[in-house]
C-alpha cells in the first residue's frame, strides 16, 4: 500500500472531503497525541504530581485562614489533629503558627507550580518536534498526486500553526484538567466532612454543566475546523503572492491579489467571530450554574444552621 493509499485508509485530516460538518467529534482527535506523550513518562509523571501538589498547597492557605478565624473567635484550636499538631509545633502561639503555615502554603505552591509548568511545557515541545518529524516523513512518502489536490499553504498551516499550538494544548489544557479535578475533589471532600447535605446542595446543579460542555464542544468544533481551513487558505494565497510578486507587479495585478487576500482574510474573520460567539454564550452558562449552586448553598446553609445542624 502506498503512502497516499495509507493516508486515505486512515483518514487524511488535510483533505477537504474528510471535513464533514455534520460529524460531532468530542475530544476524539486529541487522544492521538497520547502515544507521543508516552515516550516521556518521567516528564508526564513530574507534571501530574507537581500540579496535583500545587493544587493542594493552593487550597491550604484558605483552609488555614478559616481555622485561624475559628481560633481567634473561640480561642480553641479546630480542624484535623494533624493541622493542630503542625500549628503548635511551629510555634507555641497558634497565631504565629497559622501565619507560618499560610506562608509555607504559598511557598510550596510557587515551587510545585514552577516544576509543573516546566515539565508540561518541555513535554509539549518534545511532542511538537516528534509530531512534526512524523508528519514530514509522511508527506515525503506521499505520491505526487497527493500534492495536486492541496495547496502548499494548507500543508504549511498544518506543519507550522497546528503543530505549534500543541504546546498550548499539552501545557495549558493538561494543567487545567488536573487543577479542576484536584480542586473539585478536595473541595468536595472538605464539604462532605463538614456536611454531606451542603455538599449535595452545592454539587447537584453542577450536573447541568455536563450537557452544556457537550453542546459547546460539538458546536464550536465545526466552526474552529472551518477557521483552521481558512488559515490554510490565507497561507496559500500569501505564499503564491510572495513567490510570484514579480509577475504580479509586471501585470499590474496588485489590486486583484489584494482582493484575494481580503476574501480569504474575511472568511477567517467570519469563522473566528462565529466561534467566539458560541464561546461567549457558553461562559455565561457556567456562571449561571455556579450562581445557582452558591445561592442554594447560602440558603440551605442558613436553614441548616437555624435548625442547629
Protein backbone atom coordinates (compact mmCIF):
# COMPACT_ATOMS: atom_id res chain seq x y z
CA UNK A 1 0.00 0.00 0.00
CA UNK A 2 1.44 3.39 -0.99
CA UNK A 3 1.69 6.42 1.30
CA UNK A 4 -1.26 8.10 -0.37
CA UNK A 5 -3.41 4.97 -0.14
CA UNK A 6 -2.48 4.58 3.51
CA UNK A 7 -3.48 8.18 4.19
CA UNK A 8 -6.85 7.65 2.54
CA UNK A 9 -7.41 4.47 4.53
CA UNK A 10 -6.63 6.14 7.84
CA UNK A 11 -8.36 9.44 7.06
CA UNK A 12 -6.44 12.49 5.93
CA UNK A 13 -7.14 15.45 8.15
CA UNK A 14 -5.82 17.84 5.47
CA UNK A 15 -8.24 16.51 2.88
CA UNK A 16 -11.36 18.65 2.27
CA UNK A 17 -13.54 15.59 1.80
CA UNK A 18 -12.69 14.45 5.33
CA UNK A 19 -14.22 17.59 6.86
CA UNK A 20 -17.82 16.53 7.43
CA UNK A 21 -19.60 19.39 9.17
CA UNK A 22 -22.34 17.06 10.35
CA UNK A 23 -20.00 14.88 12.35
CA UNK A 24 -19.59 15.65 16.03
CA UNK A 25 -16.20 14.80 17.48
CA UNK A 26 -15.83 15.26 21.22
CA UNK A 27 -12.14 15.09 22.06
CA UNK A 28 -11.55 12.23 19.61
CA UNK A 29 -8.50 13.61 17.81
CA UNK A 30 -6.70 14.93 20.88
CA UNK A 31 -6.12 11.38 22.15
CA UNK A 32 -3.88 10.77 19.13
CA UNK A 33 -1.07 12.68 20.86
CA UNK A 34 -1.11 10.31 23.87
CA UNK A 35 1.34 7.83 22.23
CA UNK A 36 3.78 10.71 21.76
CA UNK A 37 3.48 11.65 25.45
CA UNK A 38 4.15 8.03 26.47
CA UNK A 39 7.69 8.44 25.15
CA UNK A 40 8.41 10.80 28.07
CA UNK A 41 6.94 9.10 31.16
CA UNK A 42 9.17 10.97 33.63
CA UNK A 43 8.02 14.36 32.39
CA UNK A 44 4.39 13.28 32.45
CA UNK A 45 4.72 11.91 35.98
CA UNK A 46 6.54 15.03 37.17
CA UNK A 47 3.92 17.26 35.59
CA UNK A 48 0.97 15.36 37.08
CA UNK A 49 2.42 15.01 40.59
CA UNK A 50 3.76 18.57 40.75
CA UNK A 51 0.48 20.03 39.50
CA UNK A 52 -1.53 17.98 41.99
CA UNK A 53 0.78 19.12 44.80
CA UNK A 54 0.46 22.73 43.64
CA UNK A 55 -3.32 22.49 43.79
CA UNK A 56 -3.14 21.05 47.31
CA UNK A 57 -0.92 23.89 48.53
CA UNK A 58 -3.12 26.36 46.66
CA UNK A 59 -6.04 25.37 48.88
CA UNK A 60 -4.02 25.06 52.09
CA UNK A 61 -3.77 28.82 52.90
CA UNK A 62 -7.55 29.25 52.64
CA UNK A 63 -8.18 26.29 54.94
CA UNK A 64 -5.59 27.65 57.37
CA UNK A 65 -7.23 31.09 57.31
CA UNK A 66 -10.61 29.53 58.11
CA UNK A 67 -9.17 27.56 61.01
CA UNK A 68 -7.33 30.65 62.25
CA UNK A 69 -10.59 32.64 62.27
CA UNK A 70 -12.20 29.86 64.30
CA UNK A 71 -9.32 30.03 66.77
CA UNK A 72 -9.47 33.84 67.09
CA UNK A 73 -13.24 33.78 67.71
CA UNK A 74 -13.40 30.79 70.07
CA UNK A 75 -9.83 30.66 71.43
CA UNK A 76 -9.91 26.91 70.73
CA UNK A 77 -7.93 25.07 68.07
CA UNK A 78 -10.13 23.37 65.49
CA UNK A 79 -9.67 21.24 62.43
CA UNK A 80 -7.89 17.90 61.91
CA UNK A 81 -5.45 16.78 64.58
CA UNK A 82 -2.55 16.83 62.12
CA UNK A 83 -3.16 20.53 61.43
CA UNK A 84 -3.40 21.35 65.13
CA UNK A 85 -0.14 19.49 65.75
CA UNK A 86 1.61 21.35 62.94
CA UNK A 87 0.42 24.72 64.24
CA UNK A 88 1.57 24.09 67.81
CA UNK A 89 4.85 22.55 66.62
CA UNK A 90 5.70 25.60 64.53
CA UNK A 91 5.22 27.99 67.45
CA UNK A 92 3.70 27.99 70.91
CA UNK A 93 1.44 30.85 69.85
CA UNK A 94 -1.16 29.45 67.39
CA UNK A 95 -1.49 32.85 65.73
CA UNK A 96 2.15 32.68 64.66
CA UNK A 97 1.77 29.02 63.73
CA UNK A 98 -1.14 29.75 61.39
CA UNK A 99 0.78 32.63 59.81
CA UNK A 100 3.80 30.43 59.11
CA UNK A 101 1.53 27.68 57.77
CA UNK A 102 -0.07 30.10 55.32
CA UNK A 103 3.37 31.31 54.19
CA UNK A 104 4.56 27.73 53.67
CA UNK A 105 1.46 27.05 51.60
CA UNK A 106 2.24 29.88 49.19
CA UNK A 107 5.94 28.97 49.10
CA UNK A 108 5.24 25.33 48.21
CA UNK A 109 2.64 26.46 45.68
CA UNK A 110 5.24 28.57 43.88
CA UNK A 111 7.80 25.74 43.85
CA UNK A 112 5.50 23.00 42.62
CA UNK A 113 3.75 25.28 40.14
CA UNK A 114 7.12 26.10 38.58
CA UNK A 115 8.05 22.41 38.35
CA UNK A 116 4.66 21.62 36.81
CA UNK A 117 4.85 24.38 34.21
CA UNK A 118 8.38 23.41 33.17
CA UNK A 119 7.51 19.71 32.90
CA UNK A 120 4.40 20.26 30.77
CA UNK A 121 5.95 22.92 28.54
CA UNK A 122 9.04 20.85 27.76
CA UNK A 123 6.80 17.84 27.14
CA UNK A 124 4.82 19.95 24.68
CA UNK A 125 8.00 21.00 22.84
CA UNK A 126 9.14 17.37 22.57
CA UNK A 127 5.74 16.29 21.23
CA UNK A 128 5.82 19.16 18.74
CA UNK A 129 9.18 18.02 17.41
CA UNK A 130 8.23 14.34 17.19
CA UNK A 131 4.89 15.05 15.54
CA UNK A 132 6.39 17.47 13.04
CA UNK A 133 9.02 14.91 12.05
CA UNK A 134 6.40 12.16 11.64
CA UNK A 135 4.24 14.48 9.53
CA UNK A 136 7.25 15.42 7.40
CA UNK A 137 8.20 11.79 6.81
CA UNK A 138 4.58 11.03 5.92
CA UNK A 139 4.50 13.88 3.40
CA UNK A 140 7.77 12.77 1.83
CA UNK A 141 6.34 9.28 1.34
CA UNK A 142 3.22 10.58 -0.43
CA UNK A 143 2.73 10.27 -4.17
CA UNK A 144 2.88 13.37 -6.33
CA UNK A 145 -0.91 13.24 -6.87
CA UNK A 146 -1.38 13.94 -3.17
CA UNK A 147 0.05 17.44 -3.61
CA UNK A 148 -2.03 18.13 -6.71
CA UNK A 149 -5.18 18.16 -4.55
CA UNK A 150 -3.81 20.50 -1.88
CA UNK A 151 -2.31 23.95 -1.74
CA UNK A 152 1.12 24.43 -0.24
CA UNK A 153 -0.25 26.97 2.23
CA UNK A 154 -2.70 24.45 3.66
CA UNK A 155 0.05 21.89 4.22
CA UNK A 156 2.32 24.52 5.77
CA UNK A 157 -0.53 25.61 8.03
CA UNK A 158 -0.72 22.09 9.45
CA UNK A 159 3.05 21.68 9.80
CA UNK A 160 3.56 25.08 11.44
CA UNK A 161 0.47 26.64 13.01
CA UNK A 162 -1.39 23.47 14.02
CA UNK A 163 1.69 21.70 15.36
CA UNK A 164 2.86 24.81 17.22
CA UNK A 165 -0.49 25.00 19.02
CA UNK A 166 0.17 21.60 20.59
CA UNK A 167 2.41 23.19 23.21
CA UNK A 168 -0.54 25.21 24.48
CA UNK A 169 -2.80 22.15 24.35
CA UNK A 170 -0.34 19.97 26.27
CA UNK A 171 0.77 22.53 28.86
CA UNK A 172 -2.36 24.64 29.43
CA UNK A 173 -5.11 22.08 28.88
CA UNK A 174 -3.39 19.32 30.85
CA UNK A 175 -2.70 21.55 33.84
CA UNK A 176 -6.26 22.89 33.70
CA UNK A 177 -7.74 19.39 33.76
CA UNK A 178 -5.57 18.35 36.72
CA UNK A 179 -6.28 21.63 38.53
CA UNK A 180 -10.05 21.27 38.12
CA UNK A 181 -10.05 17.61 39.15
CA UNK A 182 -7.88 18.05 42.25
CA UNK A 183 -9.62 21.26 43.35
CA UNK A 184 -13.06 19.75 42.83
CA UNK A 185 -12.19 16.53 44.68
CA UNK A 186 -10.55 18.36 47.59
CA UNK A 187 -13.35 20.89 47.97
CA UNK A 188 -15.96 18.14 47.76
CA UNK A 189 -14.15 16.08 50.41
CA UNK A 190 -13.86 19.05 52.77
CA UNK A 191 -17.51 19.92 52.32
CA UNK A 192 -18.63 16.31 52.84
CA UNK A 193 -16.66 16.17 56.09
CA UNK A 194 -18.39 19.37 57.19
CA UNK A 195 -21.91 18.46 55.99
CA UNK A 196 -22.92 15.93 53.36
CA UNK A 197 -26.21 17.79 52.91
CA UNK A 198 -24.43 21.00 51.93
CA UNK A 199 -22.19 19.02 49.58
CA UNK A 200 -25.24 17.59 47.84
CA UNK A 201 -26.87 21.03 47.57
CA UNK A 202 -23.72 22.62 46.14
CA UNK A 203 -22.71 19.98 43.63
CA UNK A 204 -26.10 18.82 42.32
CA UNK A 205 -26.52 21.87 40.00
CA UNK A 206 -23.06 21.18 38.56
CA UNK A 207 -24.53 18.11 36.83
CA UNK A 208 -26.18 20.52 34.39
CA UNK A 209 -22.73 21.66 33.23
CA UNK A 210 -22.16 18.29 31.51
CA UNK A 211 -24.74 18.81 28.71
CA UNK A 212 -23.55 22.41 28.35
CA UNK A 213 -19.98 21.23 27.81
CA UNK A 214 -21.13 18.65 25.26
CA UNK A 215 -23.17 21.26 23.38
CA UNK A 216 -20.27 23.69 23.34
CA UNK A 217 -17.67 21.12 22.26
CA UNK A 218 -19.70 19.66 19.39
CA UNK A 219 -20.99 23.01 18.16
CA UNK A 220 -17.85 25.12 18.32
CA UNK A 221 -15.64 22.31 16.97
CA UNK A 222 -17.11 22.63 13.47
CA UNK A 223 -16.53 26.38 13.43
CA UNK A 224 -12.95 26.07 14.60
CA UNK A 225 -12.40 23.46 11.89
CA UNK A 226 -13.58 25.96 9.26
CA UNK A 227 -11.41 28.63 10.87
CA UNK A 228 -8.43 26.29 10.56
CA UNK A 229 -9.22 25.72 6.87
CA UNK A 230 -9.40 29.49 6.36
CA UNK A 231 -5.96 29.83 7.93
CA UNK A 232 -4.58 27.36 5.38
CA UNK A 233 -6.24 29.27 2.52
CA UNK A 234 -4.69 32.54 3.71
CA UNK A 235 -1.25 30.90 3.87
CA UNK A 236 -1.75 29.52 0.35
CA UNK A 237 -2.72 32.90 -1.12
CA UNK A 238 0.14 34.71 0.61
CA UNK A 239 2.63 32.02 -0.45
CA UNK A 240 1.54 32.38 -4.08
CA UNK A 241 1.64 36.17 -3.85
CA UNK A 242 5.13 36.35 -2.38
CA UNK A 243 6.62 33.74 -4.70
CA UNK A 244 5.10 35.42 -7.76
CA UNK A 245 5.44 39.06 -6.76
CA UNK A 246 7.48 39.88 -9.88
CA UNK A 247 4.70 38.58 -12.14
CA UNK A 248 2.04 40.41 -10.10
CA UNK A 249 3.86 43.71 -10.47
CA UNK A 250 4.61 43.12 -14.15
CA UNK A 251 0.90 42.63 -14.98
CA UNK A 252 -0.35 45.33 -12.56
CA UNK A 253 -2.34 42.70 -10.63
CA UNK A 254 -1.71 44.21 -7.21
CA UNK A 255 -5.37 45.07 -6.59
CA UNK A 256 -6.55 41.65 -7.73
CA UNK A 257 -4.14 39.91 -5.36
CA UNK A 258 -5.14 42.26 -2.54
CA UNK A 259 -8.79 41.34 -3.16
CA UNK A 260 -7.89 37.62 -2.95
CA UNK A 261 -6.20 38.17 0.41
CA UNK A 262 -9.16 40.26 1.59
CA UNK A 263 -11.58 37.48 0.64
CA UNK A 264 -9.66 34.77 2.49
CA UNK A 265 -8.96 37.01 5.47
CA UNK A 266 -12.63 37.97 5.64
CA UNK A 267 -13.60 34.30 5.64
CA UNK A 268 -11.20 33.67 8.53
CA UNK A 269 -12.61 36.68 10.40
CA UNK A 270 -16.20 35.48 9.97
CA UNK A 271 -15.38 31.95 11.13
CA UNK A 272 -13.44 33.26 14.14
CA UNK A 273 -16.27 35.61 15.10
CA UNK A 274 -18.78 32.75 14.84
CA UNK A 275 -16.67 30.55 17.11
CA UNK A 276 -16.22 33.46 19.52
CA UNK A 277 -19.99 33.99 19.66
CA UNK A 278 -20.55 30.36 20.66
CA UNK A 279 -17.73 30.50 23.19
CA UNK A 280 -19.12 33.63 24.81
CA UNK A 281 -22.58 32.08 25.02
CA UNK A 282 -21.10 29.08 26.81
CA UNK A 283 -19.25 31.01 29.53
CA UNK A 284 -22.44 32.64 30.94
CA UNK A 285 -23.96 29.15 31.24
CA UNK A 286 -21.16 28.17 33.61
CA UNK A 287 -21.57 31.34 35.67
CA UNK A 288 -25.34 30.82 35.81
CA UNK A 289 -24.95 27.28 37.14
CA UNK A 290 -22.31 28.45 39.64
CA UNK A 291 -24.63 31.26 40.78
CA UNK A 292 -27.49 28.81 41.34
CA UNK A 293 -25.18 26.46 43.26
CA UNK A 294 -23.80 29.13 45.58
CA UNK A 295 -27.25 30.68 46.06
CA UNK A 296 -28.64 27.31 47.12
CA UNK A 297 -25.60 26.78 49.35
CA UNK A 298 -26.23 30.04 51.20
CA UNK A 299 -29.96 29.43 51.55
CA UNK A 300 -29.63 25.79 52.57
CA UNK A 301 -26.69 26.57 54.86
CA UNK A 302 -28.70 29.22 56.66
CA UNK A 303 -31.63 26.84 57.04
CA UNK A 304 -29.46 24.03 58.40
CA UNK A 305 -27.77 26.45 60.81
CA UNK A 306 -31.15 27.65 62.07
CA UNK A 307 -32.08 24.03 62.73
CA UNK A 308 -28.98 23.59 64.84
CA UNK A 309 -27.06 21.40 62.37
